[in-house]
């Protein structure tokens, strides 16, 4: 049995994928890593690079030799929109009991100085 040692960029420890032969194609390696990590191909793709040379494997037919160590980065599939929405922050207005709204104490009202 041959193996490839892989780790995600954000992790500290390597995991292992085993296979038969002297090398494994990039496509097969991605499929095995996604299966082991329970990732769905519809949500993300994997960017794989050699841990020693930082060479990025881009061709799905590229052959990765046995006993290699690789770094894996998860990237979103093209066309997927971000789930989070941008928020606009506005200054907060505070209301003291029995008075009108006024600006926060950290922001001086226009035309006044802070040294009062």
PDB file of N, CA and C in Angstrom:
ATOM      1  N   UNK A   1       0.833  -1.185   0.000  1.00  0.00           N
ATOM      2  CA  UNK A   1       0.000   0.000   0.000  1.00  0.00           C
ATOM      3  C   UNK A   1       0.877   1.248   0.000  1.00  0.00           C
ATOM      4  N   UNK A   2       0.493   2.213  -0.815  1.00  0.00           N
ATOM      5  CA  UNK A   2       1.175   3.502  -0.870  1.00  0.00           C
ATOM      6  C   UNK A   2       0.315   4.542  -0.161  1.00  0.00           C
ATOM      7  N   UNK A   3       0.913   5.666   0.170  1.00  0.00           N
ATOM      8  CA  UNK A   3       0.136   6.693   0.882  1.00  0.00           C
ATOM      9  C   UNK A   3       0.583   8.094   0.488  1.00  0.00           C
ATOM     10  N   UNK A   4      -0.307   9.038   0.719  1.00  0.00           N
ATOM     11  CA  UNK A   4      -0.049  10.464   0.575  1.00  0.00           C
ATOM     12  C   UNK A   4      -0.403  11.091   1.918  1.00  0.00           C
ATOM     13  N   UNK A   5       0.467  11.938   2.434  1.00  0.00           N
ATOM     14  CA  UNK A   5       0.198  12.647   3.681  1.00  0.00           C
ATOM     15  C   UNK A   5      -0.363  14.017   3.307  1.00  0.00           C
ATOM     16  N   UNK A   6      -1.504  14.358   3.886  1.00  0.00           N
ATOM     17  CA  UNK A   6      -2.120  15.647   3.572  1.00  0.00           C
ATOM     18  C   UNK A   6      -2.545  16.337   4.851  1.00  0.00           C
ATOM     19  N   UNK A   7      -2.573  17.648   4.779  1.00  0.00           N
ATOM     20  CA  UNK A   7      -3.131  18.427   5.882  1.00  0.00           C
ATOM     21  C   UNK A   7      -3.756  19.678   5.295  1.00  0.00           C
ATOM     22  N   UNK A   8      -4.824  20.121   5.949  1.00  0.00           N
ATOM     23  CA  UNK A   8      -5.426  21.382   5.556  1.00  0.00           C
ATOM     24  C   UNK A   8      -4.529  22.504   6.047  1.00  0.00           C
ATOM     25  N   UNK A   9      -4.520  23.600   5.326  1.00  0.00           N
ATOM     26  CA  UNK A   9      -3.642  24.725   5.618  1.00  0.00           C
ATOM     27  C   UNK A   9      -3.786  25.208   7.063  1.00  0.00           C
ATOM     28  N   UNK A  10      -4.999  25.153   7.595  1.00  0.00           N
ATOM     29  CA  UNK A  10      -5.249  25.680   8.940  1.00  0.00           C
ATOM     30  C   UNK A  10      -5.009  24.662  10.049  1.00  0.00           C
ATOM     31  N   UNK A  11      -4.705  23.427   9.709  1.00  0.00           N
ATOM     32  CA  UNK A  11      -4.501  22.401  10.727  1.00  0.00           C
ATOM     33  C   UNK A  11      -3.012  22.187  10.996  1.00  0.00           C
ATOM     34  N   UNK A  12      -2.734  21.535  12.115  1.00  0.00           N
ATOM     35  CA  UNK A  12      -1.347  21.275  12.490  1.00  0.00           C
ATOM     36  C   UNK A  12      -0.867  19.891  12.089  1.00  0.00           C
ATOM     37  N   UNK A  13      -1.756  18.895  12.111  1.00  0.00           N
ATOM     38  CA  UNK A  13      -1.356  17.503  11.904  1.00  0.00           C
ATOM     39  C   UNK A  13      -1.732  16.994  10.514  1.00  0.00           C
ATOM     40  N   UNK A  14      -0.920  16.058  10.049  1.00  0.00           N
ATOM     41  CA  UNK A  14      -1.166  15.424   8.756  1.00  0.00           C
ATOM     42  C   UNK A  14      -2.071  14.201   8.933  1.00  0.00           C
ATOM     43  N   UNK A  15      -2.916  13.941   7.921  1.00  0.00           N
ATOM     44  CA  UNK A  15      -3.674  12.711   7.815  1.00  0.00           C
ATOM     45  C   UNK A  15      -3.132  11.952   6.617  1.00  0.00           C
ATOM     46  N   UNK A  16      -3.591  10.714   6.427  1.00  0.00           N
ATOM     47  CA  UNK A  16      -3.045   9.866   5.375  1.00  0.00           C
ATOM     48  C   UNK A  16      -4.149   9.295   4.501  1.00  0.00           C
ATOM     49  N   UNK A  17      -3.886   9.291   3.198  1.00  0.00           N
ATOM     50  CA  UNK A  17      -4.746   8.624   2.222  1.00  0.00           C
ATOM     51  C   UNK A  17      -3.934   7.466   1.657  1.00  0.00           C
ATOM     52  N   UNK A  18      -4.508   6.282   1.630  1.00  0.00           N
ATOM     53  CA  UNK A  18      -3.796   5.118   1.090  1.00  0.00           C
ATOM     54  C   UNK A  18      -4.372   4.746  -0.273  1.00  0.00           C
ATOM     55  N   UNK A  19      -3.509   4.164  -1.115  1.00  0.00           N
ATOM     56  CA  UNK A  19      -3.906   3.754  -2.467  1.00  0.00           C
ATOM     57  C   UNK A  19      -2.922   2.710  -2.958  1.00  0.00           C
ATOM     58  N   UNK A  20      -3.256   2.051  -4.051  1.00  0.00           N
ATOM     59  CA  UNK A  20      -2.374   1.056  -4.677  1.00  0.00           C
ATOM     60  C   UNK A  20      -1.622   1.723  -5.814  1.00  0.00           C
ATOM     61  N   UNK A  21      -0.354   1.406  -5.977  1.00  0.00           N
ATOM     62  CA  UNK A  21       0.421   1.934  -7.091  1.00  0.00           C
ATOM     63  C   UNK A  21       1.524   2.858  -6.634  1.00  0.00           C
ATOM     64  N   UNK A  22       2.236   3.408  -7.646  1.00  0.00           N
ATOM     65  CA  UNK A  22       3.365   4.285  -7.366  1.00  0.00           C
ATOM     66  C   UNK A  22       2.960   5.750  -7.272  1.00  0.00           C
ATOM     67  N   UNK A  23       1.792   6.090  -7.791  1.00  0.00           N
ATOM     68  CA  UNK A  23       1.324   7.467  -7.771  1.00  0.00           C
ATOM     69  C   UNK A  23      -0.191   7.489  -7.846  1.00  0.00           C
ATOM     70  N   UNK A  24      -0.775   8.655  -7.589  1.00  0.00           N
ATOM     71  CA  UNK A  24      -2.225   8.821  -7.626  1.00  0.00           C
ATOM     72  C   UNK A  24      -2.510  10.108  -8.416  1.00  0.00           C
ATOM     73  N   UNK A  25      -3.586  10.095  -9.173  1.00  0.00           N
ATOM     74  CA  UNK A  25      -3.931  11.297  -9.924  1.00  0.00           C
ATOM     75  C   UNK A  25      -4.531  12.337  -8.972  1.00  0.00           C
ATOM     76  N   UNK A  26      -4.412  13.592  -9.341  1.00  0.00           N
ATOM     77  CA  UNK A  26      -4.940  14.676  -8.516  1.00  0.00           C
ATOM     78  C   UNK A  26      -6.450  14.519  -8.328  1.00  0.00           C
ATOM     79  N   UNK A  27      -7.141  14.122  -9.363  1.00  0.00           N
ATOM     80  CA  UNK A  27      -8.592  13.930  -9.281  1.00  0.00           C
ATOM     81  C   UNK A  27      -8.955  12.857  -8.251  1.00  0.00           C
ATOM     82  N   UNK A  28      -8.242  11.740  -8.273  1.00  0.00           N
ATOM     83  CA  UNK A  28      -8.507  10.660  -7.314  1.00  0.00           C
ATOM     84  C   UNK A  28      -8.143  11.083  -5.885  1.00  0.00           C
ATOM     85  N   UNK A  29      -7.061  11.829  -5.740  1.00  0.00           N
ATOM     86  CA  UNK A  29      -6.664  12.295  -4.414  1.00  0.00           C
ATOM     87  C   UNK A  29      -7.728  13.237  -3.838  1.00  0.00           C
ATOM     88  N   UNK A  30      -8.214  14.170  -4.654  1.00  0.00           N
ATOM     89  CA  UNK A  30      -9.270  15.073  -4.198  1.00  0.00           C
ATOM     90  C   UNK A  30     -10.507  14.296  -3.774  1.00  0.00           C
ATOM     91  N   UNK A  31     -10.875  13.308  -4.575  1.00  0.00           N
ATOM     92  CA  UNK A  31     -12.066  12.504  -4.272  1.00  0.00           C
ATOM     93  C   UNK A  31     -11.893  11.772  -2.938  1.00  0.00           C
ATOM     94  N   UNK A  32     -10.719  11.206  -2.691  1.00  0.00           N
ATOM     95  CA  UNK A  32     -10.487  10.487  -1.432  1.00  0.00           C
ATOM     96  C   UNK A  32     -10.473  11.432  -0.234  1.00  0.00           C
ATOM     97  N   UNK A  33      -9.840  12.601  -0.386  1.00  0.00           N
ATOM     98  CA  UNK A  33      -9.801  13.560   0.726  1.00  0.00           C
ATOM     99  C   UNK A  33     -11.210  14.058   1.032  1.00  0.00           C
ATOM    100  N   UNK A  34     -11.977  14.376   0.000  1.00  0.00           N
ATOM    101  CA  UNK A  34     -13.344  14.856   0.223  1.00  0.00           C
ATOM    102  C   UNK A  34     -14.202  13.783   0.896  1.00  0.00           C
ATOM    103  N   UNK A  35     -13.987  12.540   0.548  1.00  0.00           N
ATOM    104  CA  UNK A  35     -14.718  11.448   1.185  1.00  0.00           C
ATOM    105  C   UNK A  35     -14.336  11.289   2.653  1.00  0.00           C
ATOM    106  N   UNK A  36     -13.038  11.351   2.940  1.00  0.00           N
ATOM    107  CA  UNK A  36     -12.590  11.205   4.333  1.00  0.00           C
ATOM    108  C   UNK A  36     -13.027  12.372   5.203  1.00  0.00           C
ATOM    109  N   UNK A  37     -13.052  13.572   4.644  1.00  0.00           N
ATOM    110  CA  UNK A  37     -13.399  14.770   5.418  1.00  0.00           C
ATOM    111  C   UNK A  37     -14.899  15.101   5.345  1.00  0.00           C
ATOM    112  N   UNK A  38     -15.659  14.264   4.633  1.00  0.00           N
ATOM    113  CA  UNK A  38     -17.110  14.450   4.476  1.00  0.00           C
ATOM    114  C   UNK A  38     -17.457  15.810   3.874  1.00  0.00           C
ATOM    115  N   UNK A  39     -16.725  16.180   2.817  1.00  0.00           N
ATOM    116  CA  UNK A  39     -16.993  17.419   2.087  1.00  0.00           C
ATOM    117  C   UNK A  39     -17.825  17.098   0.854  1.00  0.00           C
ATOM    118  N   UNK A  40     -18.672  18.039   0.451  1.00  0.00           N
ATOM    119  CA  UNK A  40     -19.502  17.840  -0.731  1.00  0.00           C
ATOM    120  C   UNK A  40     -18.879  18.590  -1.903  1.00  0.00           C
ATOM    121  N   UNK A  41     -18.801  17.915  -3.038  1.00  0.00           N
ATOM    122  CA  UNK A  41     -18.183  18.505  -4.225  1.00  0.00           C
ATOM    123  C   UNK A  41     -18.974  19.698  -4.736  1.00  0.00           C
ATOM    124  N   UNK A  42     -20.263  19.763  -4.444  1.00  0.00           N
ATOM    125  CA  UNK A  42     -21.088  20.880  -4.917  1.00  0.00           C
ATOM    126  C   UNK A  42     -20.772  22.174  -4.165  1.00  0.00           C
ATOM    127  N   UNK A  43     -20.255  22.084  -2.946  1.00  0.00           N
ATOM    128  CA  UNK A  43     -20.016  23.268  -2.120  1.00  0.00           C
ATOM    129  C   UNK A  43     -18.624  23.869  -2.271  1.00  0.00           C
ATOM    130  N   UNK A  44     -17.629  23.025  -2.508  1.00  0.00           N
ATOM    131  CA  UNK A  44     -16.259  23.536  -2.538  1.00  0.00           C
ATOM    132  C   UNK A  44     -15.376  22.686  -3.438  1.00  0.00           C
ATOM    133  N   UNK A  45     -14.207  23.220  -3.726  1.00  0.00           N
ATOM    134  CA  UNK A  45     -13.177  22.493  -4.464  1.00  0.00           C
ATOM    135  C   UNK A  45     -11.935  22.514  -3.582  1.00  0.00           C
ATOM    136  N   UNK A  46     -10.970  21.674  -3.904  1.00  0.00           N
ATOM    137  CA  UNK A  46      -9.743  21.620  -3.128  1.00  0.00           C
ATOM    138  C   UNK A  46      -8.580  22.111  -3.969  1.00  0.00           C
ATOM    139  N   UNK A  47      -7.751  22.959  -3.398  1.00  0.00           N
ATOM    140  CA  UNK A  47      -6.519  23.407  -4.038  1.00  0.00           C
ATOM    141  C   UNK A  47      -5.394  22.689  -3.314  1.00  0.00           C
ATOM    142  N   UNK A  48      -4.624  21.913  -4.061  1.00  0.00           N
ATOM    143  CA  UNK A  48      -3.592  21.053  -3.457  1.00  0.00           C
ATOM    144  C   UNK A  48      -2.222  21.475  -3.962  1.00  0.00           C
ATOM    145  N   UNK A  49      -1.282  21.615  -3.016  1.00  0.00           N
ATOM    146  CA  UNK A  49       0.084  21.976  -3.378  1.00  0.00           C
ATOM    147  C   UNK A  49       1.063  21.100  -2.604  1.00  0.00           C
ATOM    148  N   UNK A  50       2.242  20.946  -3.171  1.00  0.00           N
ATOM    149  CA  UNK A  50       3.289  20.143  -2.553  1.00  0.00           C
ATOM    150  C   UNK A  50       3.793  20.863  -1.304  1.00  0.00           C
ATOM    151  N   UNK A  51       3.895  20.159  -0.186  1.00  0.00           N
ATOM    152  CA  UNK A  51       4.290  20.770   1.083  1.00  0.00           C
ATOM    153  C   UNK A  51       5.754  21.223   1.078  1.00  0.00           C
ATOM    154  N   UNK A  52       6.629  20.541   0.331  1.00  0.00           N
ATOM    155  CA  UNK A  52       8.049  20.887   0.334  1.00  0.00           C
ATOM    156  C   UNK A  52       8.368  21.992  -0.676  1.00  0.00           C
ATOM    157  N   UNK A  53       7.813  21.913  -1.886  1.00  0.00           N
ATOM    158  CA  UNK A  53       8.173  22.848  -2.960  1.00  0.00           C
ATOM    159  C   UNK A  53       7.139  23.954  -3.168  1.00  0.00           C
ATOM    160  N   UNK A  54       5.980  23.864  -2.532  1.00  0.00           N
ATOM    161  CA  UNK A  54       4.863  24.800  -2.699  1.00  0.00           C
ATOM    162  C   UNK A  54       4.338  24.840  -4.134  1.00  0.00           C
ATOM    163  N   UNK A  55       4.701  23.832  -4.955  1.00  0.00           N
ATOM    164  CA  UNK A  55       4.175  23.737  -6.316  1.00  0.00           C
ATOM    165  C   UNK A  55       2.694  23.362  -6.232  1.00  0.00           C
ATOM    166  N   UNK A  56       1.853  24.133  -6.913  1.00  0.00           N
ATOM    167  CA  UNK A  56       0.422  23.846  -6.890  1.00  0.00           C
ATOM    168  C   UNK A  56       0.079  22.899  -8.030  1.00  0.00           C
ATOM    169  N   UNK A  57      -0.678  21.866  -7.714  1.00  0.00           N
ATOM    170  CA  UNK A  57      -1.142  20.916  -8.723  1.00  0.00           C
ATOM    171  C   UNK A  57      -2.444  21.457  -9.303  1.00  0.00           C
ATOM    172  N   UNK A  58      -2.453  21.723 -10.621  1.00  0.00           N
ATOM    173  CA  UNK A  58      -3.646  22.298 -11.250  1.00  0.00           C
ATOM    174  C   UNK A  58      -4.323  21.350 -12.226  1.00  0.00           C
ATOM    175  N   UNK A  59      -3.572  20.448 -12.833  1.00  0.00           N
ATOM    176  CA  UNK A  59      -4.132  19.513 -13.808  1.00  0.00           C
ATOM    177  C   UNK A  59      -4.702  18.302 -13.084  1.00  0.00           C
ATOM    178  N   UNK A  60      -5.982  17.994 -13.309  1.00  0.00           N
ATOM    179  CA  UNK A  60      -6.604  16.845 -12.636  1.00  0.00           C
ATOM    180  C   UNK A  60      -5.945  15.515 -12.994  1.00  0.00           C
ATOM    181  N   UNK A  61      -5.225  15.475 -14.102  1.00  0.00           N
ATOM    182  CA  UNK A  61      -4.540  14.239 -14.502  1.00  0.00           C
ATOM    183  C   UNK A  61      -3.099  14.187 -13.990  1.00  0.00           C
ATOM    184  N   UNK A  62      -2.665  15.207 -13.275  1.00  0.00           N
ATOM    185  CA  UNK A  62      -1.303  15.219 -12.726  1.00  0.00           C
ATOM    186  C   UNK A  62      -1.132  14.047 -11.772  1.00  0.00           C
ATOM    187  N   UNK A  63       0.034  13.425 -11.826  1.00  0.00           N
ATOM    188  CA  UNK A  63       0.316  12.276 -10.969  1.00  0.00           C
ATOM    189  C   UNK A  63       1.165  12.721  -9.783  1.00  0.00           C
ATOM    190  N   UNK A  64       0.705  12.371  -8.599  1.00  0.00           N
ATOM    191  CA  UNK A  64       1.410  12.722  -7.361  1.00  0.00           C
ATOM    192  C   UNK A  64       2.081  11.453  -6.848  1.00  0.00           C
ATOM    193  N   UNK A  65       3.410  11.473  -6.688  1.00  0.00           N
ATOM    194  CA  UNK A  65       4.112  10.252  -6.269  1.00  0.00           C
ATOM    195  C   UNK A  65       3.765   9.834  -4.842  1.00  0.00           C
ATOM    196  N   UNK A  66       3.884   8.519  -4.600  1.00  0.00           N
ATOM    197  CA  UNK A  66       3.593   7.994  -3.259  1.00  0.00           C
ATOM    198  C   UNK A  66       4.527   8.619  -2.240  1.00  0.00           C
ATOM    199  N   UNK A  67       4.104   8.618  -0.992  1.00  0.00           N
ATOM    200  CA  UNK A  67       4.844   9.169   0.149  1.00  0.00           C
ATOM    201  C   UNK A  67       5.072  10.678   0.061  1.00  0.00           C
ATOM    202  N   UNK A  68       4.291  11.371  -0.758  1.00  0.00           N
ATOM    203  CA  UNK A  68       4.388  12.826  -0.827  1.00  0.00           C
ATOM    204  C   UNK A  68       3.577  13.448   0.299  1.00  0.00           C
ATOM    205  N   UNK A  69       3.919  14.680   0.652  1.00  0.00           N
ATOM    206  CA  UNK A  69       3.138  15.457   1.606  1.00  0.00           C
ATOM    207  C   UNK A  69       2.560  16.650   0.863  1.00  0.00           C
ATOM    208  N   UNK A  70       1.264  16.886   1.062  1.00  0.00           N
ATOM    209  CA  UNK A  70       0.601  17.977   0.358  1.00  0.00           C
ATOM    210  C   UNK A  70      -0.184  18.842   1.346  1.00  0.00           C
ATOM    211  N   UNK A  71      -0.375  20.089   0.958  1.00  0.00           N
ATOM    212  CA  UNK A  71      -1.184  21.036   1.718  1.00  0.00           C
ATOM    213  C   UNK A  71      -2.483  21.236   0.944  1.00  0.00           C
ATOM    214  N   UNK A  72      -3.603  21.174   1.653  1.00  0.00           N
ATOM    215  CA  UNK A  72      -4.920  21.277   1.030  1.00  0.00           C
ATOM    216  C   UNK A  72      -5.576  22.572   1.484  1.00  0.00           C
ATOM    217  N   UNK A  73      -6.132  23.302   0.533  1.00  0.00           N
ATOM    218  CA  UNK A  73      -6.925  24.499   0.840  1.00  0.00           C
ATOM    219  C   UNK A  73      -8.304  24.307   0.235  1.00  0.00           C
ATOM    220  N   UNK A  74      -9.305  24.599   1.024  1.00  0.00           N
ATOM    221  CA  UNK A  74     -10.693  24.498   0.549  1.00  0.00           C
ATOM    222  C   UNK A  74     -11.066  25.848  -0.066  1.00  0.00           C
ATOM    223  N   UNK A  75     -11.588  25.814  -1.305  1.00  0.00           N
ATOM    224  CA  UNK A  75     -11.999  27.039  -1.980  1.00  0.00           C
ATOM    225  C   UNK A  75     -13.440  26.880  -2.451  1.00  0.00           C
ATOM    226  N   UNK A  76     -14.207  27.978  -2.485  1.00  0.00           N
ATOM    227  CA  UNK A  76     -15.595  27.875  -2.932  1.00  0.00           C
ATOM    228  C   UNK A  76     -15.674  27.585  -4.426  1.00  0.00           C
ATOM    229  N   UNK A  77     -16.717  26.875  -4.814  1.00  0.00           N
ATOM    230  CA  UNK A  77     -16.946  26.595  -6.220  1.00  0.00           C
ATOM    231  C   UNK A  77     -17.351  27.902  -6.895  1.00  0.00           C
ATOM    232  N   UNK A  78     -16.895  28.119  -8.117  1.00  0.00           N
ATOM    233  CA  UNK A  78     -17.229  29.356  -8.831  1.00  0.00           C
ATOM    234  C   UNK A  78     -18.737  29.484  -8.976  1.00  0.00           C
ATOM    235  N   UNK A  79     -19.230  30.685  -8.770  1.00  0.00           N
ATOM    236  CA  UNK A  79     -20.655  30.941  -8.920  1.00  0.00           C
ATOM    237  C   UNK A  79     -21.442  30.849  -7.636  1.00  0.00           C
ATOM    238  N   UNK A  80     -20.821  30.418  -6.553  1.00  0.00           N
ATOM    239  CA  UNK A  80     -21.515  30.337  -5.275  1.00  0.00           C
ATOM    240  C   UNK A  80     -21.448  31.704  -4.614  1.00  0.00           C
ATOM    241  N   UNK A  81     -22.576  32.220  -4.173  1.00  0.00           N
ATOM    242  CA  UNK A  81     -22.616  33.524  -3.525  1.00  0.00           C
ATOM    243  C   UNK A  81     -22.257  33.369  -2.050  1.00  0.00           C
ATOM    244  N   UNK A  82     -21.681  34.417  -1.495  1.00  0.00           N
ATOM    245  CA  UNK A  82     -21.338  34.412  -0.080  1.00  0.00           C
ATOM    246  C   UNK A  82     -22.611  34.390   0.755  1.00  0.00           C
ATOM    247  N   UNK A  83     -22.591  33.672   1.854  1.00  0.00           N
ATOM    248  CA  UNK A  83     -23.770  33.532   2.705  1.00  0.00           C
ATOM    249  C   UNK A  83     -23.994  34.751   3.579  1.00  0.00           C
ATOM    250  N   UNK A  84     -22.938  35.445   3.914  1.00  0.00           N
ATOM    251  CA  UNK A  84     -23.105  36.584   4.814  1.00  0.00           C
ATOM    252  C   UNK A  84     -23.447  37.838   4.021  1.00  0.00           C
ATOM    253  N   UNK A  85     -24.180  38.730   4.666  1.00  0.00           N
ATOM    254  CA  UNK A  85     -24.561  39.990   4.042  1.00  0.00           C
ATOM    255  C   UNK A  85     -23.765  41.109   4.702  1.00  0.00           C
ATOM    256  N   UNK A  86     -23.367  42.107   3.919  1.00  0.00           N
ATOM    257  CA  UNK A  86     -22.651  43.225   4.533  1.00  0.00           C
ATOM    258  C   UNK A  86     -23.612  44.084   5.349  1.00  0.00           C
ATOM    259  N   UNK A  87     -23.126  44.592   6.457  1.00  0.00           N
ATOM    260  CA  UNK A  87     -23.922  45.451   7.329  1.00  0.00           C
ATOM    261  C   UNK A  87     -23.297  46.838   7.371  1.00  0.00           C
ATOM    262  N   UNK A  88     -24.136  47.854   7.416  1.00  0.00           N
ATOM    263  CA  UNK A  88     -23.671  49.225   7.514  1.00  0.00           C
ATOM    264  C   UNK A  88     -23.829  49.660   8.956  1.00  0.00           C
ATOM    265  N   UNK A  89     -22.736  50.132   9.546  1.00  0.00           N
ATOM    266  CA  UNK A  89     -22.772  50.562  10.936  1.00  0.00           C
ATOM    267  C   UNK A  89     -23.119  52.048  10.982  1.00  0.00           C
ATOM    268  N   UNK A  90     -24.105  52.410  11.783  1.00  0.00           N
ATOM    269  CA  UNK A  90     -24.485  53.802  11.958  1.00  0.00           C
ATOM    270  C   UNK A  90     -24.246  54.182  13.412  1.00  0.00           C
ATOM    271  N   UNK A  91     -24.012  55.486  13.699  1.00  0.00           N
ATOM    272  CA  UNK A  91     -23.802  55.878  15.098  1.00  0.00           C
ATOM    273  C   UNK A  91     -25.071  55.644  15.902  1.00  0.00           C
ATOM    274  N   UNK A  92     -24.898  55.186  17.122  1.00  0.00           N
ATOM    275  CA  UNK A  92     -26.045  54.924  17.993  1.00  0.00           C
ATOM    276  C   UNK A  92     -26.488  56.219  18.654  1.00  0.00           C
ATOM    277  N   UNK A  93     -27.781  56.386  18.782  1.00  0.00           N
ATOM    278  CA  UNK A  93     -28.333  57.525  19.496  1.00  0.00           C
ATOM    279  C   UNK A  93     -28.891  57.023  20.813  1.00  0.00           C
ATOM    280  N   UNK A  94     -28.639  57.753  21.882  1.00  0.00           N
ATOM    281  CA  UNK A  94     -29.113  57.355  23.200  1.00  0.00           C
ATOM    282  C   UNK A  94     -30.190  58.333  23.658  1.00  0.00           C
ATOM    283  N   UNK A  95     -31.142  57.847  24.382  1.00  0.00           N
ATOM    284  CA  UNK A  95     -32.197  58.702  24.901  1.00  0.00           C
ATOM    285  C   UNK A  95     -32.160  58.648  26.423  1.00  0.00           C
ATOM    286  N   UNK A  96     -31.916  59.808  27.019  1.00  0.00           N
ATOM    287  CA  UNK A  96     -31.960  59.903  28.470  1.00  0.00           C
ATOM    288  C   UNK A  96     -33.426  60.046  28.871  1.00  0.00           C
ATOM    289  N   UNK A  97     -33.818  59.522  30.034  1.00  0.00           N
ATOM    290  CA  UNK A  97     -35.219  59.620  30.439  1.00  0.00           C
ATOM    291  C   UNK A  97     -35.693  61.066  30.502  1.00  0.00           C
ATOM    292  N   UNK A  98     -36.811  61.348  29.861  1.00  0.00           N
ATOM    293  CA  UNK A  98     -37.415  62.669  29.893  1.00  0.00           C
ATOM    294  C   UNK A  98     -36.760  63.694  28.986  1.00  0.00           C
ATOM    295  N   UNK A  99     -35.799  63.268  28.117  1.00  0.00           N
ATOM    296  CA  UNK A  99     -35.149  64.215  27.207  1.00  0.00           C
ATOM    297  C   UNK A  99     -35.239  63.695  25.785  1.00  0.00           C
ATOM    298  N   UNK A 100     -34.842  64.529  24.861  1.00  0.00           N
ATOM    299  CA  UNK A 100     -34.833  64.127  23.444  1.00  0.00           C
ATOM    300  C   UNK A 100     -33.607  63.235  23.187  1.00  0.00           C
ATOM    301  N   UNK A 101     -33.574  62.617  22.020  1.00  0.00           N
ATOM    302  CA  UNK A 101     -32.426  61.791  21.655  1.00  0.00           C
ATOM    303  C   UNK A 101     -31.183  62.655  21.588  1.00  0.00           C
ATOM    304  N   UNK A 102     -30.044  62.087  22.009  1.00  0.00           N
ATOM    305  CA  UNK A 102     -28.780  62.786  21.894  1.00  0.00           C
ATOM    306  C   UNK A 102     -27.703  61.789  21.495  1.00  0.00           C
ATOM    307  N   UNK A 103     -26.605  62.312  21.028  1.00  0.00           N
ATOM    308  CA  UNK A 103     -25.510  61.454  20.585  1.00  0.00           C
ATOM    309  C   UNK A 103     -24.852  60.766  21.775  1.00  0.00           C
ATOM    310  N   UNK A 104     -24.141  59.717  21.483  1.00  0.00           N
ATOM    311  CA  UNK A 104     -23.414  58.971  22.506  1.00  0.00           C
ATOM    312  C   UNK A 104     -22.399  59.882  23.189  1.00  0.00           C
ATOM    313  N   UNK A 105     -21.996  59.554  24.401  1.00  0.00           N
ATOM    314  CA  UNK A 105     -21.052  60.385  25.167  1.00  0.00           C
ATOM    315  C   UNK A 105     -19.669  60.398  24.545  1.00  0.00           C
ATOM    316  N   UNK A 106     -19.347  59.401  23.741  1.00  0.00           N
ATOM    317  CA  UNK A 106     -18.017  59.362  23.127  1.00  0.00           C
ATOM    318  C   UNK A 106     -17.916  60.276  21.931  1.00  0.00           C
ATOM    319  N   UNK A 107     -19.036  60.734  21.378  1.00  0.00           N
ATOM    320  CA  UNK A 107     -19.023  61.627  20.241  1.00  0.00           C
ATOM    321  C   UNK A 107     -19.534  62.987  20.662  1.00  0.00           C
ATOM    322  N   UNK A 108     -18.707  64.047  20.585  1.00  0.00           N
ATOM    323  CA  UNK A 108     -19.187  65.361  20.973  1.00  0.00           C
ATOM    324  C   UNK A 108     -20.199  65.876  19.958  1.00  0.00           C
ATOM    325  N   UNK A 109     -21.166  66.635  20.430  1.00  0.00           N
ATOM    326  CA  UNK A 109     -22.141  67.241  19.537  1.00  0.00           C
ATOM    327  C   UNK A 109     -21.422  68.288  18.693  1.00  0.00           C
ATOM    328  N   UNK A 110     -21.946  68.554  17.528  1.00  0.00           N
ATOM    329  CA  UNK A 110     -21.279  69.523  16.646  1.00  0.00           C
ATOM    330  C   UNK A 110     -21.278  70.897  17.288  1.00  0.00           C
ATOM    331  N   UNK A 111     -20.156  71.609  17.184  1.00  0.00           N
ATOM    332  CA  UNK A 111     -20.037  72.947  17.708  1.00  0.00           C
ATOM    333  C   UNK A 111     -19.609  73.002  19.162  1.00  0.00           C
ATOM    334  N   UNK A 112     -19.339  71.898  19.817  1.00  0.00           N
ATOM    335  CA  UNK A 112     -18.883  71.912  21.202  1.00  0.00           C
ATOM    336  C   UNK A 112     -17.516  71.303  21.293  1.00  0.00           C
ATOM    337  N   UNK A 113     -16.807  71.623  22.354  1.00  0.00           N
ATOM    338  CA  UNK A 113     -15.476  71.041  22.517  1.00  0.00           C
ATOM    339  C   UNK A 113     -15.533  69.984  23.608  1.00  0.00           C
ATOM    340  N   UNK A 114     -14.543  69.144  23.624  1.00  0.00           N
ATOM    341  CA  UNK A 114     -14.488  68.053  24.599  1.00  0.00           C
ATOM    342  C   UNK A 114     -13.911  68.539  25.929  1.00  0.00           C
ATOM    343  N   UNK A 115     -13.258  69.691  25.989  1.00  0.00           N
ATOM    344  CA  UNK A 115     -12.550  70.147  27.165  1.00  0.00           C
ATOM    345  C   UNK A 115     -13.470  70.866  28.159  1.00  0.00           C
ATOM    346  N   UNK A 116     -14.749  70.710  28.085  1.00  0.00           N
ATOM    347  CA  UNK A 116     -15.660  71.407  28.985  1.00  0.00           C
ATOM    348  C   UNK A 116     -15.632  70.803  30.364  1.00  0.00           C
TER     349      UNK A 116
END
